[in-house]
């Protein structure tokens, strides 16, 4: 499966363009790209987010590009709406979009389908954005289509689980040890 993911990753230009349309962290235009297919309601994605904040970004932010792709799973009832909201925040700036992703993953265990809109409204207000704007954006077909494009891109690459992390195409799936990702990033940087 890993070989198939690597071949699909290397054979399509979508990820090269991904950082232009997706939240990114690290240094732009690095020769090493870490592409993260994530579901904002996924506990394993939240674990990877913590690893990203605590270990990967402190070590690699000046040398690696981290690109976030939306892959909301059907089993998570508010994940798709959360991804659509992320696209709304991206239109206001990359830093806001990253802050939103970080906040929603941090609060996953407090968010339910019934209180997602209230949580989202509080987040928007804390950022100086009119809550009604982001709530209305949840029904924006263009934002929904952008999320669906990411999802279909992932499906076309054989991705079925989150997070799926591709380090220059080398896949890591679901439970991801820091040492393995770090070793692969170091090897790709040394090329």
C-alpha atoms as a PDB file:
ATOM      1  CA  UNK A   1       0.000   0.000   0.000  1.00  0.00           C
ATOM      2  CA  UNK A   2       2.813   2.432   0.856  1.00  0.00           C
ATOM      3  CA  UNK A   3       4.471   1.871  -2.520  1.00  0.00           C
ATOM      4  CA  UNK A   4       1.183   2.520  -4.310  1.00  0.00           C
ATOM      5  CA  UNK A   5       0.655   5.758  -2.366  1.00  0.00           C
ATOM      6  CA  UNK A   6       4.183   6.889  -3.179  1.00  0.00           C
ATOM      7  CA  UNK A   7       3.709   6.173  -6.896  1.00  0.00           C
ATOM      8  CA  UNK A   8       0.397   8.049  -6.978  1.00  0.00           C
ATOM      9  CA  UNK A   9       1.863  10.969  -5.080  1.00  0.00           C
ATOM     10  CA  UNK A  10       4.803  11.328  -7.407  1.00  0.00           C
ATOM     11  CA  UNK A  11       2.726  10.934 -10.578  1.00  0.00           C
ATOM     12  CA  UNK A  12       0.312  13.855 -10.076  1.00  0.00           C
ATOM     13  CA  UNK A  13       0.920  17.600  -9.919  1.00  0.00           C
ATOM     14  CA  UNK A  14      -1.910  18.362  -7.443  1.00  0.00           C
ATOM     15  CA  UNK A  15       0.343  18.486  -4.402  1.00  0.00           C
ATOM     16  CA  UNK A  16       2.749  20.862  -6.115  1.00  0.00           C
ATOM     17  CA  UNK A  17      -0.153  23.266  -6.477  1.00  0.00           C
ATOM     18  CA  UNK A  18      -1.575  22.376  -3.062  1.00  0.00           C
ATOM     19  CA  UNK A  19       0.359  24.915  -1.058  1.00  0.00           C
ATOM     20  CA  UNK A  20      -1.105  27.704  -3.202  1.00  0.00           C
ATOM     21  CA  UNK A  21      -4.679  26.785  -2.151  1.00  0.00           C
ATOM     22  CA  UNK A  22      -4.213  25.235   1.271  1.00  0.00           C
ATOM     23  CA  UNK A  23      -3.046  26.223   4.714  1.00  0.00           C
ATOM     24  CA  UNK A  24       0.703  25.861   4.978  1.00  0.00           C
ATOM     25  CA  UNK A  25       3.284  26.035   7.716  1.00  0.00           C
ATOM     26  CA  UNK A  26       7.046  26.119   7.616  1.00  0.00           C
ATOM     27  CA  UNK A  27       9.066  27.613   4.825  1.00  0.00           C
ATOM     28  CA  UNK A  28       7.446  28.115   1.423  1.00  0.00           C
ATOM     29  CA  UNK A  29       8.878  26.284  -1.582  1.00  0.00           C
ATOM     30  CA  UNK A  30      11.031  23.818   0.327  1.00  0.00           C
ATOM     31  CA  UNK A  31      12.323  20.803  -1.550  1.00  0.00           C
ATOM     32  CA  UNK A  32      10.718  18.763   1.245  1.00  0.00           C
ATOM     33  CA  UNK A  33       6.940  18.875   1.417  1.00  0.00           C
ATOM     34  CA  UNK A  34       4.967  17.221   4.171  1.00  0.00           C
ATOM     35  CA  UNK A  35       1.395  16.876   2.931  1.00  0.00           C
ATOM     36  CA  UNK A  36      -1.126  16.114   5.680  1.00  0.00           C
ATOM     37  CA  UNK A  37      -4.535  14.680   4.770  1.00  0.00           C
ATOM     38  CA  UNK A  38      -6.519  15.396   7.906  1.00  0.00           C
ATOM     39  CA  UNK A  39      -9.996  15.283   9.375  1.00  0.00           C
ATOM     40  CA  UNK A  40     -10.560  18.080  11.885  1.00  0.00           C
ATOM     41  CA  UNK A  41     -12.688  15.762  14.066  1.00  0.00           C
ATOM     42  CA  UNK A  42     -10.187  12.871  14.037  1.00  0.00           C
ATOM     43  CA  UNK A  43      -8.443  12.159  17.384  1.00  0.00           C
ATOM     44  CA  UNK A  44      -5.376  10.750  15.590  1.00  0.00           C
ATOM     45  CA  UNK A  45      -5.183  13.987  13.589  1.00  0.00           C
ATOM     46  CA  UNK A  46      -5.286  15.953  16.840  1.00  0.00           C
ATOM     47  CA  UNK A  47      -2.394  13.813  18.109  1.00  0.00           C
ATOM     48  CA  UNK A  48      -0.443  14.561  14.941  1.00  0.00           C
ATOM     49  CA  UNK A  49      -1.272  18.274  15.338  1.00  0.00           C
ATOM     50  CA  UNK A  50       0.294  18.188  18.813  1.00  0.00           C
ATOM     51  CA  UNK A  51       3.381  16.475  17.388  1.00  0.00           C
ATOM     52  CA  UNK A  52       3.520  19.094  14.665  1.00  0.00           C
ATOM     53  CA  UNK A  53       3.342  21.952  17.180  1.00  0.00           C
ATOM     54  CA  UNK A  54       5.611  20.457  19.826  1.00  0.00           C
ATOM     55  CA  UNK A  55       8.269  18.677  17.752  1.00  0.00           C
ATOM     56  CA  UNK A  56       8.108  18.984  13.972  1.00  0.00           C
ATOM     57  CA  UNK A  57       7.620  22.732  13.545  1.00  0.00           C
ATOM     58  CA  UNK A  58      10.214  23.698  16.167  1.00  0.00           C
ATOM     59  CA  UNK A  59      12.748  21.513  14.379  1.00  0.00           C
ATOM     60  CA  UNK A  60      11.772  21.911  10.716  1.00  0.00           C
ATOM     61  CA  UNK A  61       9.834  25.169  10.235  1.00  0.00           C
ATOM     62  CA  UNK A  62      12.850  26.821   8.641  1.00  0.00           C
ATOM     63  CA  UNK A  63      13.501  23.993   6.166  1.00  0.00           C
ATOM     64  CA  UNK A  64      10.248  22.156   5.340  1.00  0.00           C
ATOM     65  CA  UNK A  65       6.819  23.043   3.893  1.00  0.00           C
ATOM     66  CA  UNK A  66       3.816  21.504   5.683  1.00  0.00           C
ATOM     67  CA  UNK A  67       0.626  21.511   3.574  1.00  0.00           C
ATOM     68  CA  UNK A  68      -2.805  20.750   5.082  1.00  0.00           C
ATOM     69  CA  UNK A  69      -5.370  18.911   2.939  1.00  0.00           C
ATOM     70  CA  UNK A  70      -8.976  18.283   3.979  1.00  0.00           C
ATOM     71  CA  UNK A  71     -10.091  14.671   4.240  1.00  0.00           C
ATOM     72  CA  UNK A  72     -13.268  14.685   6.373  1.00  0.00           C
ATOM     73  CA  UNK A  73     -14.437  11.142   7.039  1.00  0.00           C
ATOM     74  CA  UNK A  74     -18.138  10.295   6.818  1.00  0.00           C
ATOM     75  CA  UNK A  75     -18.069   8.745  10.304  1.00  0.00           C
ATOM     76  CA  UNK A  76     -17.372  12.161  11.839  1.00  0.00           C
ATOM     77  CA  UNK A  77     -20.603  14.209  11.851  1.00  0.00           C
ATOM     78  CA  UNK A  78     -19.153  17.734  12.049  1.00  0.00           C
ATOM     79  CA  UNK A  79     -15.850  17.189  10.202  1.00  0.00           C
ATOM     80  CA  UNK A  80     -17.054  18.350   6.767  1.00  0.00           C
ATOM     81  CA  UNK A  81     -18.576  21.567   8.174  1.00  0.00           C
ATOM     82  CA  UNK A  82     -15.349  22.153  10.092  1.00  0.00           C
ATOM     83  CA  UNK A  83     -13.337  21.769   6.879  1.00  0.00           C
ATOM     84  CA  UNK A  84     -15.648  24.192   5.056  1.00  0.00           C
ATOM     85  CA  UNK A  85     -15.185  26.718   7.866  1.00  0.00           C
ATOM     86  CA  UNK A  86     -11.431  26.228   7.501  1.00  0.00           C
ATOM     87  CA  UNK A  87     -11.707  27.264   3.856  1.00  0.00           C
ATOM     88  CA  UNK A  88     -13.607  30.385   4.921  1.00  0.00           C
ATOM     89  CA  UNK A  89     -10.804  31.311   7.341  1.00  0.00           C
ATOM     90  CA  UNK A  90      -8.152  30.585   4.699  1.00  0.00           C
ATOM     91  CA  UNK A  91      -9.697  33.309   2.548  1.00  0.00           C
ATOM     92  CA  UNK A  92      -8.871  35.721   5.400  1.00  0.00           C
ATOM     93  CA  UNK A  93      -5.282  34.548   5.608  1.00  0.00           C
ATOM     94  CA  UNK A  94      -3.044  31.543   6.067  1.00  0.00           C
ATOM     95  CA  UNK A  95      -2.214  32.359   9.701  1.00  0.00           C
ATOM     96  CA  UNK A  96      -5.894  32.553  10.651  1.00  0.00           C
ATOM     97  CA  UNK A  97      -6.582  29.268   8.891  1.00  0.00           C
ATOM     98  CA  UNK A  98      -3.759  27.525  10.757  1.00  0.00           C
ATOM     99  CA  UNK A  99      -4.924  29.041  14.067  1.00  0.00           C
ATOM    100  CA  UNK A 100      -8.436  27.730  13.376  1.00  0.00           C
ATOM    101  CA  UNK A 101      -7.191  24.215  12.597  1.00  0.00           C
ATOM    102  CA  UNK A 102      -5.090  24.236  15.759  1.00  0.00           C
ATOM    103  CA  UNK A 103      -8.036  25.462  17.901  1.00  0.00           C
ATOM    104  CA  UNK A 104     -10.625  23.059  16.517  1.00  0.00           C
ATOM    105  CA  UNK A 105      -8.331  20.080  17.034  1.00  0.00           C
ATOM    106  CA  UNK A 106      -7.478  21.208  20.550  1.00  0.00           C
ATOM    107  CA  UNK A 107     -11.193  21.434  21.418  1.00  0.00           C
ATOM    108  CA  UNK A 108     -12.327  18.254  19.634  1.00  0.00           C
ATOM    109  CA  UNK A 109     -13.504  16.531  22.776  1.00  0.00           C
ATOM    110  CA  UNK A 110     -15.721  19.516  23.663  1.00  0.00           C
ATOM    111  CA  UNK A 111     -17.296  19.885  20.228  1.00  0.00           C
ATOM    112  CA  UNK A 112     -20.435  17.958  19.292  1.00  0.00           C
ATOM    113  CA  UNK A 113     -22.691  18.248  16.237  1.00  0.00           C
ATOM    114  CA  UNK A 114     -25.161  20.177  18.411  1.00  0.00           C
ATOM    115  CA  UNK A 115     -22.649  22.804  19.570  1.00  0.00           C
ATOM    116  CA  UNK A 116     -20.306  23.065  16.583  1.00  0.00           C
ATOM    117  CA  UNK A 117     -21.919  26.263  15.241  1.00  0.00           C
ATOM    118  CA  UNK A 118     -21.781  27.880  18.696  1.00  0.00           C
ATOM    119  CA  UNK A 119     -18.093  26.879  19.042  1.00  0.00           C
ATOM    120  CA  UNK A 120     -17.388  28.202  15.543  1.00  0.00           C
ATOM    121  CA  UNK A 121     -19.165  31.488  16.309  1.00  0.00           C
ATOM    122  CA  UNK A 122     -17.092  31.981  19.470  1.00  0.00           C
ATOM    123  CA  UNK A 123     -13.872  31.293  17.567  1.00  0.00           C
ATOM    124  CA  UNK A 124     -14.820  33.746  14.798  1.00  0.00           C
ATOM    125  CA  UNK A 125     -15.717  36.438  17.313  1.00  0.00           C
ATOM    126  CA  UNK A 126     -12.399  35.921  19.142  1.00  0.00           C
ATOM    127  CA  UNK A 127     -10.660  36.645  15.827  1.00  0.00           C
ATOM    128  CA  UNK A 128     -12.656  39.802  15.110  1.00  0.00           C
ATOM    129  CA  UNK A 129     -14.828  38.154  12.469  1.00  0.00           C
ATOM    130  CA  UNK A 130     -18.594  38.502  12.436  1.00  0.00           C
ATOM    131  CA  UNK A 131     -19.885  35.045  13.468  1.00  0.00           C
ATOM    132  CA  UNK A 132     -22.829  35.243  11.051  1.00  0.00           C
ATOM    133  CA  UNK A 133     -20.374  35.395   8.133  1.00  0.00           C
ATOM    134  CA  UNK A 134     -18.682  32.098   8.948  1.00  0.00           C
ATOM    135  CA  UNK A 135     -21.988  30.414   9.800  1.00  0.00           C
ATOM    136  CA  UNK A 136     -23.381  31.490   6.412  1.00  0.00           C
ATOM    137  CA  UNK A 137     -20.197  30.206   4.737  1.00  0.00           C
ATOM    138  CA  UNK A 138     -20.993  26.679   5.924  1.00  0.00           C
ATOM    139  CA  UNK A 139     -23.517  26.552   3.053  1.00  0.00           C
ATOM    140  CA  UNK A 140     -21.179  28.074   0.439  1.00  0.00           C
ATOM    141  CA  UNK A 141     -21.001  25.632  -2.499  1.00  0.00           C
ATOM    142  CA  UNK A 142     -17.570  26.896  -3.600  1.00  0.00           C
ATOM    143  CA  UNK A 143     -16.039  26.231  -0.195  1.00  0.00           C
ATOM    144  CA  UNK A 144     -17.745  22.822  -0.050  1.00  0.00           C
ATOM    145  CA  UNK A 145     -16.404  22.023  -3.524  1.00  0.00           C
ATOM    146  CA  UNK A 146     -12.853  22.896  -2.445  1.00  0.00           C
ATOM    147  CA  UNK A 147     -13.140  20.469   0.481  1.00  0.00           C
ATOM    148  CA  UNK A 148     -14.595  17.800  -1.814  1.00  0.00           C
ATOM    149  CA  UNK A 149     -11.727  18.344  -4.291  1.00  0.00           C
ATOM    150  CA  UNK A 150      -9.219  17.591  -1.514  1.00  0.00           C
ATOM    151  CA  UNK A 151     -11.191  14.545  -0.468  1.00  0.00           C
ATOM    152  CA  UNK A 152     -11.373  13.190  -4.022  1.00  0.00           C
ATOM    153  CA  UNK A 153      -7.662  13.914  -4.520  1.00  0.00           C
ATOM    154  CA  UNK A 154      -6.967  11.786  -1.454  1.00  0.00           C
ATOM    155  CA  UNK A 155      -9.275   9.006  -2.632  1.00  0.00           C
ATOM    156  CA  UNK A 156      -7.526   8.990  -6.021  1.00  0.00           C
ATOM    157  CA  UNK A 157      -4.238   8.446  -4.166  1.00  0.00           C
ATOM    158  CA  UNK A 158      -5.646   5.501  -2.206  1.00  0.00           C
ATOM    159  CA  UNK A 159      -5.991   7.403   1.054  1.00  0.00           C
ATOM    160  CA  UNK A 160      -8.654   5.995   3.367  1.00  0.00           C
ATOM    161  CA  UNK A 161      -7.469   6.904   6.884  1.00  0.00           C
ATOM    162  CA  UNK A 162      -6.522  10.051   8.726  1.00  0.00           C
ATOM    163  CA  UNK A 163      -4.095  11.380   9.232  1.00  0.00           C
ATOM    164  CA  UNK A 164      -2.197  10.264   6.184  1.00  0.00           C
ATOM    165  CA  UNK A 165       1.059  12.152   6.041  1.00  0.00           C
ATOM    166  CA  UNK A 166       3.236  12.146   2.945  1.00  0.00           C
ATOM    167  CA  UNK A 167       6.857  13.257   3.320  1.00  0.00           C
ATOM    168  CA  UNK A 168       7.871  13.889  -0.289  1.00  0.00           C
ATOM    169  CA  UNK A 169       5.521  11.013  -1.059  1.00  0.00           C
ATOM    170  CA  UNK A 170       6.638   8.634   1.680  1.00  0.00           C
ATOM    171  CA  UNK A 171       3.406   7.714   3.499  1.00  0.00           C
ATOM    172  CA  UNK A 172       2.676   7.526   7.204  1.00  0.00           C
ATOM    173  CA  UNK A 173      -0.834   6.494   8.204  1.00  0.00           C
ATOM    174  CA  UNK A 174      -2.943   7.060  11.365  1.00  0.00           C
ATOM    175  CA  UNK A 175      -0.664   6.470  14.362  1.00  0.00           C
ATOM    176  CA  UNK A 176       2.592   8.118  13.379  1.00  0.00           C
ATOM    177  CA  UNK A 177       5.821   7.893  15.423  1.00  0.00           C
ATOM    178  CA  UNK A 178       7.794  11.139  15.506  1.00  0.00           C
ATOM    179  CA  UNK A 179      11.087   9.308  15.032  1.00  0.00           C
ATOM    180  CA  UNK A 180       9.938   7.744  11.749  1.00  0.00           C
ATOM    181  CA  UNK A 181       8.716  11.041  10.308  1.00  0.00           C
ATOM    182  CA  UNK A 182      11.811  12.877  11.487  1.00  0.00           C
ATOM    183  CA  UNK A 183      14.143  10.272  10.003  1.00  0.00           C
ATOM    184  CA  UNK A 184      12.361  10.509   6.638  1.00  0.00           C
ATOM    185  CA  UNK A 185      12.420  14.318   6.652  1.00  0.00           C
ATOM    186  CA  UNK A 186      16.147  14.297   7.467  1.00  0.00           C
ATOM    187  CA  UNK A 187      16.832  11.839   4.624  1.00  0.00           C
ATOM    188  CA  UNK A 188      14.852  13.973   2.159  1.00  0.00           C
ATOM    189  CA  UNK A 189      16.619  17.160   3.293  1.00  0.00           C
ATOM    190  CA  UNK A 190      19.992  15.427   2.766  1.00  0.00           C
ATOM    191  CA  UNK A 191      19.211  14.529  -0.864  1.00  0.00           C
END
